[in-house]
Amino acid sequence: MASQSNTDAHWRKTTRLMFMHLGVWFFFGYVIHMFVKPLNTIVIPVLGFPLGFYMAAQGSLIVFVVMLFMFAKQQDKIDREFGMAEDD
């Protein structure tokens, strides 16, 4: 059984990680889409697509999937640091 201070420290790190990922999610989910028209002036050289179109169509989705795996890895690291990891 984990001590109360260990549990509190684990919860603080987990909460910080969660809010950090929610901030990145909010940025790519909402903020980027507010600036689609100005971003359309930038063209991706290799693809030839305007950056705003690409971020609205696929870029945000790619970021969300990458964030999902990063969050799982980071949370597992926090769990192992505090001795709360699930057995493999």
PDB file of N, CA and C in Angstrom:
ATOM      1  N   MET A   1       0.835  -1.180   0.000  1.00  0.00           N
ATOM      2  CA  MET A   1       0.000   0.000   0.000  1.00  0.00           C
ATOM      3  C   MET A   1       0.879   1.242   0.000  1.00  0.00           C
ATOM      4  N   ALA A   2       0.574   2.175  -0.865  1.00  0.00           N
ATOM      5  CA  ALA A   2       1.359   3.394  -0.979  1.00  0.00           C
ATOM      6  C   ALA A   2       1.007   4.366   0.138  1.00  0.00           C
ATOM      7  N   SER A   3       2.006   5.124   0.580  1.00  0.00           N
ATOM      8  CA  SER A   3       1.758   6.118   1.621  1.00  0.00           C
ATOM      9  C   SER A   3       0.967   7.283   1.029  1.00  0.00           C
ATOM     10  N   GLN A   4       0.360   8.072   1.914  1.00  0.00           N
ATOM     11  CA  GLN A   4      -0.456   9.195   1.460  1.00  0.00           C
ATOM     12  C   GLN A   4       0.389  10.241   0.730  1.00  0.00           C
ATOM     13  N   SER A   5       1.608  10.506   1.208  1.00  0.00           N
ATOM     14  CA  SER A   5       2.461  11.496   0.533  1.00  0.00           C
ATOM     15  C   SER A   5       2.883  11.007  -0.850  1.00  0.00           C
ATOM     16  N   ASN A   6       3.139   9.697  -0.976  1.00  0.00           N
ATOM     17  CA  ASN A   6       3.481   9.113  -2.268  1.00  0.00           C
ATOM     18  C   ASN A   6       2.296   9.218  -3.233  1.00  0.00           C
ATOM     19  N   THR A   7       1.113   8.938  -2.732  1.00  0.00           N
ATOM     20  CA  THR A   7      -0.103   9.023  -3.547  1.00  0.00           C
ATOM     21  C   THR A   7      -0.351  10.465  -3.982  1.00  0.00           C
ATOM     22  N   ASP A   8      -0.158  11.410  -3.068  1.00  0.00           N
ATOM     23  CA  ASP A   8      -0.361  12.822  -3.407  1.00  0.00           C
ATOM     24  C   ASP A   8       0.634  13.295  -4.465  1.00  0.00           C
ATOM     25  N   ALA A   9       1.890  12.898  -4.324  1.00  0.00           N
ATOM     26  CA  ALA A   9       2.910  13.283  -5.306  1.00  0.00           C
ATOM     27  C   ALA A   9       2.589  12.679  -6.671  1.00  0.00           C
ATOM     28  N   HIS A  10       2.137  11.427  -6.678  1.00  0.00           N
ATOM     29  CA  HIS A  10       1.748  10.760  -7.926  1.00  0.00           C
ATOM     30  C   HIS A  10       0.595  11.513  -8.577  1.00  0.00           C
ATOM     31  N   TRP A  11      -0.386  11.893  -7.777  1.00  0.00           N
ATOM     32  CA  TRP A  11      -1.552  12.585  -8.311  1.00  0.00           C
ATOM     33  C   TRP A  11      -1.172  13.973  -8.855  1.00  0.00           C
ATOM     34  N   ARG A  12      -0.254  14.672  -8.172  1.00  0.00           N
ATOM     35  CA  ARG A  12       0.190  15.982  -8.652  1.00  0.00           C
ATOM     36  C   ARG A  12       0.872  15.857 -10.016  1.00  0.00           C
ATOM     37  N   LYS A  13       1.755  14.882 -10.164  1.00  0.00           N
ATOM     38  CA  LYS A  13       2.441  14.695 -11.449  1.00  0.00           C
ATOM     39  C   LYS A  13       1.457  14.268 -12.536  1.00  0.00           C
ATOM     40  N   THR A  14       0.525  13.400 -12.199  1.00  0.00           N
ATOM     41  CA  THR A  14      -0.470  12.944 -13.168  1.00  0.00           C
ATOM     42  C   THR A  14      -1.359  14.103 -13.609  1.00  0.00           C
ATOM     43  N   THR A  15      -1.769  14.936 -12.662  1.00  0.00           N
ATOM     44  CA  THR A  15      -2.614  16.081 -12.987  1.00  0.00           C
ATOM     45  C   THR A  15      -1.864  17.075 -13.866  1.00  0.00           C
ATOM     46  N   ARG A  16      -0.605  17.341 -13.556  1.00  0.00           N
ATOM     47  CA  ARG A  16       0.204  18.249 -14.362  1.00  0.00           C
ATOM     48  C   ARG A  16       0.332  17.718 -15.793  1.00  0.00           C
ATOM     49  N   LEU A  17       0.587  16.427 -15.925  1.00  0.00           N
ATOM     50  CA  LEU A  17       0.702  15.816 -17.255  1.00  0.00           C
ATOM     51  C   LEU A  17      -0.613  15.936 -18.021  1.00  0.00           C
ATOM     52  N   MET A  18      -1.715  15.681 -17.328  1.00  0.00           N
ATOM     53  CA  MET A  18      -3.027  15.742 -17.971  1.00  0.00           C
ATOM     54  C   MET A  18      -3.319  17.160 -18.471  1.00  0.00           C
ATOM     55  N   PHE A  19      -3.064  18.178 -17.641  1.00  0.00           N
ATOM     56  CA  PHE A  19      -3.336  19.549 -18.061  1.00  0.00           C
ATOM     57  C   PHE A  19      -2.403  20.000 -19.180  1.00  0.00           C
ATOM     58  N   MET A  20      -1.180  19.518 -19.177  1.00  0.00           N
ATOM     59  CA  MET A  20      -0.253  19.844 -20.256  1.00  0.00           C
ATOM     60  C   MET A  20      -0.785  19.286 -21.589  1.00  0.00           C
ATOM     61  N   HIS A  21      -1.233  18.040 -21.567  1.00  0.00           N
ATOM     62  CA  HIS A  21      -1.760  17.438 -22.789  1.00  0.00           C
ATOM     63  C   HIS A  21      -3.082  18.075 -23.198  1.00  0.00           C
ATOM     64  N   LEU A  22      -3.900  18.468 -22.238  1.00  0.00           N
ATOM     65  CA  LEU A  22      -5.137  19.165 -22.586  1.00  0.00           C
ATOM     66  C   LEU A  22      -4.841  20.516 -23.231  1.00  0.00           C
ATOM     67  N   GLY A  23      -3.788  21.186 -22.785  1.00  0.00           N
ATOM     68  CA  GLY A  23      -3.389  22.452 -23.397  1.00  0.00           C
ATOM     69  C   GLY A  23      -2.953  22.274 -24.840  1.00  0.00           C
ATOM     70  N   VAL A  24      -2.149  21.248 -25.084  1.00  0.00           N
ATOM     71  CA  VAL A  24      -1.709  20.964 -26.461  1.00  0.00           C
ATOM     72  C   VAL A  24      -2.913  20.572 -27.307  1.00  0.00           C
ATOM     73  N   TRP A  25      -3.819  19.769 -26.746  1.00  0.00           N
ATOM     74  CA  TRP A  25      -5.031  19.363 -27.467  1.00  0.00           C
ATOM     75  C   TRP A  25      -5.869  20.588 -27.828  1.00  0.00           C
ATOM     76  N   PHE A  26      -6.050  21.504 -26.871  1.00  0.00           N
ATOM     77  CA  PHE A  26      -6.837  22.710 -27.124  1.00  0.00           C
ATOM     78  C   PHE A  26      -6.191  23.546 -28.229  1.00  0.00           C
ATOM     79  N   PHE A  27      -4.867  23.671 -28.174  1.00  0.00           N
ATOM     80  CA  PHE A  27      -4.162  24.458 -29.184  1.00  0.00           C
ATOM     81  C   PHE A  27      -4.382  23.883 -30.582  1.00  0.00           C
ATOM     82  N   PHE A  28      -4.162  22.586 -30.739  1.00  0.00           N
ATOM     83  CA  PHE A  28      -4.295  21.981 -32.066  1.00  0.00           C
ATOM     84  C   PHE A  28      -5.745  21.720 -32.450  1.00  0.00           C
ATOM     85  N   GLY A  29      -6.634  21.644 -31.473  1.00  0.00           N
ATOM     86  CA  GLY A  29      -8.038  21.395 -31.771  1.00  0.00           C
ATOM     87  C   GLY A  29      -8.832  22.651 -32.075  1.00  0.00           C
ATOM     88  N   TYR A  30      -8.441  23.771 -31.455  1.00  0.00           N
ATOM     89  CA  TYR A  30      -9.218  24.999 -31.614  1.00  0.00           C
ATOM     90  C   TYR A  30      -8.403  26.190 -32.116  1.00  0.00           C
ATOM     91  N   VAL A  31      -7.282  26.464 -31.486  1.00  0.00           N
ATOM     92  CA  VAL A  31      -6.523  27.671 -31.808  1.00  0.00           C
ATOM     93  C   VAL A  31      -6.012  27.637 -33.245  1.00  0.00           C
ATOM     94  N   ILE A  32      -5.426  26.536 -33.646  1.00  0.00           N
ATOM     95  CA  ILE A  32      -4.917  26.418 -35.022  1.00  0.00           C
ATOM     96  C   ILE A  32      -6.037  26.661 -36.033  1.00  0.00           C
ATOM     97  N   HIS A  33      -7.213  26.149 -35.741  1.00  0.00           N
ATOM     98  CA  HIS A  33      -8.328  26.266 -36.680  1.00  0.00           C
ATOM     99  C   HIS A  33      -8.864  27.694 -36.758  1.00  0.00           C
ATOM    100  N   MET A  34      -8.609  28.500 -35.726  1.00  0.00           N
ATOM    101  CA  MET A  34      -9.019  29.910 -35.778  1.00  0.00           C
ATOM    102  C   MET A  34      -8.165  30.704 -36.761  1.00  0.00           C
ATOM    103  N   PHE A  35      -6.966  30.203 -37.047  1.00  0.00           N
ATOM    104  CA  PHE A  35      -6.035  30.917 -37.911  1.00  0.00           C
ATOM    105  C   PHE A  35      -5.814  30.203 -39.241  1.00  0.00           C
ATOM    106  N   VAL A  36      -6.821  29.506 -39.733  1.00  0.00           N
ATOM    107  CA  VAL A  36      -6.676  28.759 -40.984  1.00  0.00           C
ATOM    108  C   VAL A  36      -6.411  29.708 -42.154  1.00  0.00           C
ATOM    109  N   LYS A  37      -7.157  30.786 -42.242  1.00  0.00           N
ATOM    110  CA  LYS A  37      -6.975  31.697 -43.383  1.00  0.00           C
ATOM    111  C   LYS A  37      -5.581  32.313 -43.411  1.00  0.00           C
ATOM    112  N   PRO A  38      -5.069  32.855 -42.296  1.00  0.00           N
ATOM    113  CA  PRO A  38      -3.691  33.375 -42.355  1.00  0.00           C
ATOM    114  C   PRO A  38      -2.658  32.277 -42.636  1.00  0.00           C
ATOM    115  N   LEU A  39      -2.896  31.061 -42.109  1.00  0.00           N
ATOM    116  CA  LEU A  39      -1.956  29.965 -42.349  1.00  0.00           C
ATOM    117  C   LEU A  39      -1.979  29.493 -43.799  1.00  0.00           C
ATOM    118  N   ASN A  40      -3.070  29.763 -44.502  1.00  0.00           N
ATOM    119  CA  ASN A  40      -3.162  29.350 -45.909  1.00  0.00           C
ATOM    120  C   ASN A  40      -2.197  30.112 -46.801  1.00  0.00           C
ATOM    121  N   THR A  41      -1.636  31.224 -46.311  1.00  0.00           N
ATOM    122  CA  THR A  41      -0.641  31.949 -47.107  1.00  0.00           C
ATOM    123  C   THR A  41       0.686  31.203 -47.157  1.00  0.00           C
ATOM    124  N   ILE A  42       0.893  30.268 -46.212  1.00  0.00           N
ATOM    125  CA  ILE A  42       2.103  29.442 -46.186  1.00  0.00           C
ATOM    126  C   ILE A  42       1.798  28.146 -46.924  1.00  0.00           C
ATOM    127  N   VAL A  43       2.620  27.822 -47.898  1.00  0.00           N
ATOM    128  CA  VAL A  43       2.410  26.596 -48.684  1.00  0.00           C
ATOM    129  C   VAL A  43       3.508  25.597 -48.326  1.00  0.00           C
ATOM    130  N   ILE A  44       3.112  24.350 -48.067  1.00  0.00           N
ATOM    131  CA  ILE A  44       4.069  23.287 -47.776  1.00  0.00           C
ATOM    132  C   ILE A  44       4.778  22.949 -49.082  1.00  0.00           C
ATOM    133  N   PRO A  45       6.105  23.127 -49.138  1.00  0.00           N
ATOM    134  CA  PRO A  45       6.822  22.989 -50.414  1.00  0.00           C
ATOM    135  C   PRO A  45       6.675  21.630 -51.087  1.00  0.00           C
ATOM    136  N   VAL A  46       6.819  20.561 -50.361  1.00  0.00           N
ATOM    137  CA  VAL A  46       6.804  19.228 -50.972  1.00  0.00           C
ATOM    138  C   VAL A  46       5.408  18.839 -51.437  1.00  0.00           C
ATOM    139  N   LEU A  47       4.404  19.131 -50.609  1.00  0.00           N
ATOM    140  CA  LEU A  47       3.040  18.712 -50.917  1.00  0.00           C
ATOM    141  C   LEU A  47       2.271  19.707 -51.770  1.00  0.00           C
ATOM    142  N   GLY A  48       2.615  20.999 -51.657  1.00  0.00           N
ATOM    143  CA  GLY A  48       1.907  22.009 -52.415  1.00  0.00           C
ATOM    144  C   GLY A  48       0.573  22.417 -51.807  1.00  0.00           C
ATOM    145  N   PHE A  49       0.272  21.951 -50.602  1.00  0.00           N
ATOM    146  CA  PHE A  49      -0.966  22.320 -49.915  1.00  0.00           C
ATOM    147  C   PHE A  49      -0.735  23.554 -49.060  1.00  0.00           C
ATOM    148  N   PRO A  50      -1.761  24.395 -48.906  1.00  0.00           N
ATOM    149  CA  PRO A  50      -1.657  25.477 -47.940  1.00  0.00           C
ATOM    150  C   PRO A  50      -1.595  24.893 -46.515  1.00  0.00           C
ATOM    151  N   LEU A  51      -0.778  25.499 -45.662  1.00  0.00           N
ATOM    152  CA  LEU A  51      -0.580  24.969 -44.318  1.00  0.00           C
ATOM    153  C   LEU A  51      -1.877  24.942 -43.516  1.00  0.00           C
ATOM    154  N   GLY A  52      -2.716  25.959 -43.645  1.00  0.00           N
ATOM    155  CA  GLY A  52      -3.984  25.995 -42.910  1.00  0.00           C
ATOM    156  C   GLY A  52      -4.891  24.843 -43.283  1.00  0.00           C
ATOM    157  N   PHE A  53      -4.978  24.549 -44.572  1.00  0.00           N
ATOM    158  CA  PHE A  53      -5.792  23.425 -45.034  1.00  0.00           C
ATOM    159  C   PHE A  53      -5.253  22.115 -44.480  1.00  0.00           C
ATOM    160  N   TYR A  54      -3.923  21.951 -44.532  1.00  0.00           N
ATOM    161  CA  TYR A  54      -3.322  20.709 -44.062  1.00  0.00           C
ATOM    162  C   TYR A  54      -3.552  20.525 -42.568  1.00  0.00           C
ATOM    163  N   MET A  55      -3.349  21.587 -41.775  1.00  0.00           N
ATOM    164  CA  MET A  55      -3.532  21.476 -40.323  1.00  0.00           C
ATOM    165  C   MET A  55      -4.985  21.183 -39.984  1.00  0.00           C
ATOM    166  N   ALA A  56      -5.922  21.782 -40.707  1.00  0.00           N
ATOM    167  CA  ALA A  56      -7.336  21.548 -40.433  1.00  0.00           C
ATOM    168  C   ALA A  56      -7.760  20.145 -40.860  1.00  0.00           C
ATOM    169  N   ALA A  57      -7.201  19.655 -41.956  1.00  0.00           N
ATOM    170  CA  ALA A  57      -7.632  18.370 -42.491  1.00  0.00           C
ATOM    171  C   ALA A  57      -6.933  17.182 -41.837  1.00  0.00           C
ATOM    172  N   GLN A  58      -5.601  17.260 -41.672  1.00  0.00           N
ATOM    173  CA  GLN A  58      -4.880  16.085 -41.197  1.00  0.00           C
ATOM    174  C   GLN A  58      -3.897  16.369 -40.075  1.00  0.00           C
ATOM    175  N   GLY A  59      -3.329  17.544 -40.058  1.00  0.00           N
ATOM    176  CA  GLY A  59      -2.286  17.842 -39.086  1.00  0.00           C
ATOM    177  C   GLY A  59      -2.735  17.666 -37.643  1.00  0.00           C
ATOM    178  N   SER A  60      -3.909  18.170 -37.320  1.00  0.00           N
ATOM    179  CA  SER A  60      -4.413  18.044 -35.947  1.00  0.00           C
ATOM    180  C   SER A  60      -4.650  16.583 -35.585  1.00  0.00           C
ATOM    181  N   LEU A  61      -5.151  15.797 -36.512  1.00  0.00           N
ATOM    182  CA  LEU A  61      -5.397  14.381 -36.230  1.00  0.00           C
ATOM    183  C   LEU A  61      -4.098  13.637 -35.965  1.00  0.00           C
ATOM    184  N   ILE A  62      -3.063  13.972 -36.718  1.00  0.00           N
ATOM    185  CA  ILE A  62      -1.756  13.337 -36.507  1.00  0.00           C
ATOM    186  C   ILE A  62      -1.224  13.695 -35.128  1.00  0.00           C
ATOM    187  N   VAL A  63      -1.358  14.958 -34.757  1.00  0.00           N
ATOM    188  CA  VAL A  63      -0.905  15.397 -33.429  1.00  0.00           C
ATOM    189  C   VAL A  63      -1.668  14.658 -32.343  1.00  0.00           C
ATOM    190  N   PHE A  64      -2.974  14.481 -32.492  1.00  0.00           N
ATOM    191  CA  PHE A  64      -3.777  13.794 -31.475  1.00  0.00           C
ATOM    192  C   PHE A  64      -3.330  12.342 -31.284  1.00  0.00           C
ATOM    193  N   VAL A  65      -3.048  11.654 -32.377  1.00  0.00           N
ATOM    194  CA  VAL A  65      -2.606  10.257 -32.282  1.00  0.00           C
ATOM    195  C   VAL A  65      -1.230  10.172 -31.621  1.00  0.00           C
ATOM    196  N   VAL A  66      -0.325  11.062 -32.006  1.00  0.00           N
ATOM    197  CA  VAL A  66       1.000  11.080 -31.384  1.00  0.00           C
ATOM    198  C   VAL A  66       0.878  11.399 -29.897  1.00  0.00           C
ATOM    199  N   MET A  67       0.009  12.354 -29.560  1.00  0.00           N
ATOM    200  CA  MET A  67      -0.208  12.712 -28.150  1.00  0.00           C
ATOM    201  C   MET A  67      -0.727  11.526 -27.339  1.00  0.00           C
ATOM    202  N   LEU A  68      -1.593  10.732 -27.930  1.00  0.00           N
ATOM    203  CA  LEU A  68      -2.141   9.570 -27.240  1.00  0.00           C
ATOM    204  C   LEU A  68      -1.039   8.617 -26.805  1.00  0.00           C
ATOM    205  N   PHE A  69      -0.135   8.310 -27.718  1.00  0.00           N
ATOM    206  CA  PHE A  69       0.960   7.402 -27.385  1.00  0.00           C
ATOM    207  C   PHE A  69       1.952   8.040 -26.411  1.00  0.00           C
ATOM    208  N   MET A  70       2.221   9.339 -26.594  1.00  0.00           N
ATOM    209  CA  MET A  70       3.122  10.032 -25.671  1.00  0.00           C
ATOM    210  C   MET A  70       2.546  10.054 -24.258  1.00  0.00           C
ATOM    211  N   PHE A  71       1.251  10.320 -24.150  1.00  0.00           N
ATOM    212  CA  PHE A  71       0.615  10.367 -22.830  1.00  0.00           C
ATOM    213  C   PHE A  71       0.713   9.013 -22.144  1.00  0.00           C
ATOM    214  N   ALA A  72       0.432   7.953 -22.883  1.00  0.00           N
ATOM    215  CA  ALA A  72       0.499   6.608 -22.293  1.00  0.00           C
ATOM    216  C   ALA A  72       1.908   6.292 -21.806  1.00  0.00           C
ATOM    217  N   LYS A  73       2.913   6.647 -22.594  1.00  0.00           N
ATOM    218  CA  LYS A  73       4.298   6.385 -22.206  1.00  0.00           C
ATOM    219  C   LYS A  73       4.692   7.223 -20.992  1.00  0.00           C
ATOM    220  N   GLN A  74       4.332   8.503 -20.992  1.00  0.00           N
ATOM    221  CA  GLN A  74       4.675   9.378 -19.878  1.00  0.00           C
ATOM    222  C   GLN A  74       3.945   8.966 -18.602  1.00  0.00           C
ATOM    223  N   GLN A  75       2.687   8.570 -18.725  1.00  0.00           N
ATOM    224  CA  GLN A  75       1.932   8.151 -17.541  1.00  0.00           C
ATOM    225  C   GLN A  75       2.499   6.857 -16.981  1.00  0.00           C
ATOM    226  N   ASP A  76       2.914   5.962 -17.840  1.00  0.00           N
ATOM    227  CA  ASP A  76       3.528   4.717 -17.376  1.00  0.00           C
ATOM    228  C   ASP A  76       4.819   5.014 -16.612  1.00  0.00           C
ATOM    229  N   LYS A  77       5.585   5.976 -17.118  1.00  0.00           N
ATOM    230  CA  LYS A  77       6.825   6.366 -16.434  1.00  0.00           C
ATOM    231  C   LYS A  77       6.520   6.929 -15.041  1.00  0.00           C
ATOM    232  N   ILE A  78       5.496   7.761 -14.946  1.00  0.00           N
ATOM    233  CA  ILE A  78       5.097   8.316 -13.644  1.00  0.00           C
ATOM    234  C   ILE A  78       4.630   7.199 -12.716  1.00  0.00           C
ATOM    235  N   ASP A  79       3.822   6.285 -13.244  1.00  0.00           N
ATOM    236  CA  ASP A  79       3.330   5.168 -12.426  1.00  0.00           C
ATOM    237  C   ASP A  79       4.487   4.310 -11.894  1.00  0.00           C
ATOM    238  N   ARG A  80       5.456   4.046 -12.740  1.00  0.00           N
ATOM    239  CA  ARG A  80       6.607   3.238 -12.314  1.00  0.00           C
ATOM    240  C   ARG A  80       7.453   3.996 -11.295  1.00  0.00           C
ATOM    241  N   GLU A  81       7.573   5.303 -11.459  1.00  0.00           N
ATOM    242  CA  GLU A  81       8.367   6.114 -10.525  1.00  0.00           C
ATOM    243  C   GLU A  81       7.787   6.040  -9.115  1.00  0.00           C
ATOM    244  N   PHE A  82       6.478   5.983  -9.010  1.00  0.00           N
ATOM    245  CA  PHE A  82       5.835   5.970  -7.699  1.00  0.00           C
ATOM    246  C   PHE A  82       5.380   4.576  -7.278  1.00  0.00           C
ATOM    247  N   GLY A  83       5.760   3.554  -8.028  1.00  0.00           N
ATOM    248  CA  GLY A  83       5.430   2.176  -7.661  1.00  0.00           C
ATOM    249  C   GLY A  83       3.972   1.821  -7.825  1.00  0.00           C
ATOM    250  N   MET A  84       3.318   2.449  -8.802  1.00  0.00           N
ATOM    251  CA  MET A  84       1.891   2.189  -9.013  1.00  0.00           C
ATOM    252  C   MET A  84       1.607   1.617 -10.389  1.00  0.00           C
ATOM    253  N   ALA A  85       2.634   1.094 -11.044  1.00  0.00           N
ATOM    254  CA  ALA A  85       2.465   0.564 -12.395  1.00  0.00           C
ATOM    255  C   ALA A  85       1.723  -0.763 -12.354  1.00  0.00           C
ATOM    256  N   GLU A  86       0.960  -0.992 -13.400  1.00  0.00           N
ATOM    257  CA  GLU A  86       0.290  -2.278 -13.526  1.00  0.00           C
ATOM    258  C   GLU A  86       1.305  -3.305 -13.998  1.00  0.00           C
ATOM    259  N   ASP A  87       1.108  -4.533 -13.606  1.00  0.00           N
ATOM    260  CA  ASP A  87       2.016  -5.591 -14.061  1.00  0.00           C
ATOM    261  C   ASP A  87       1.803  -5.847 -15.543  1.00  0.00           C
ATOM    262  N   ASP A  88       2.911  -6.124 -16.224  1.00  0.00           N
ATOM    263  CA  ASP A  88       2.835  -6.392 -17.676  1.00  0.00           C
ATOM    264  C   ASP A  88       2.238  -7.745 -17.952  1.00  0.00           C
TER     265      ASP A  88
END
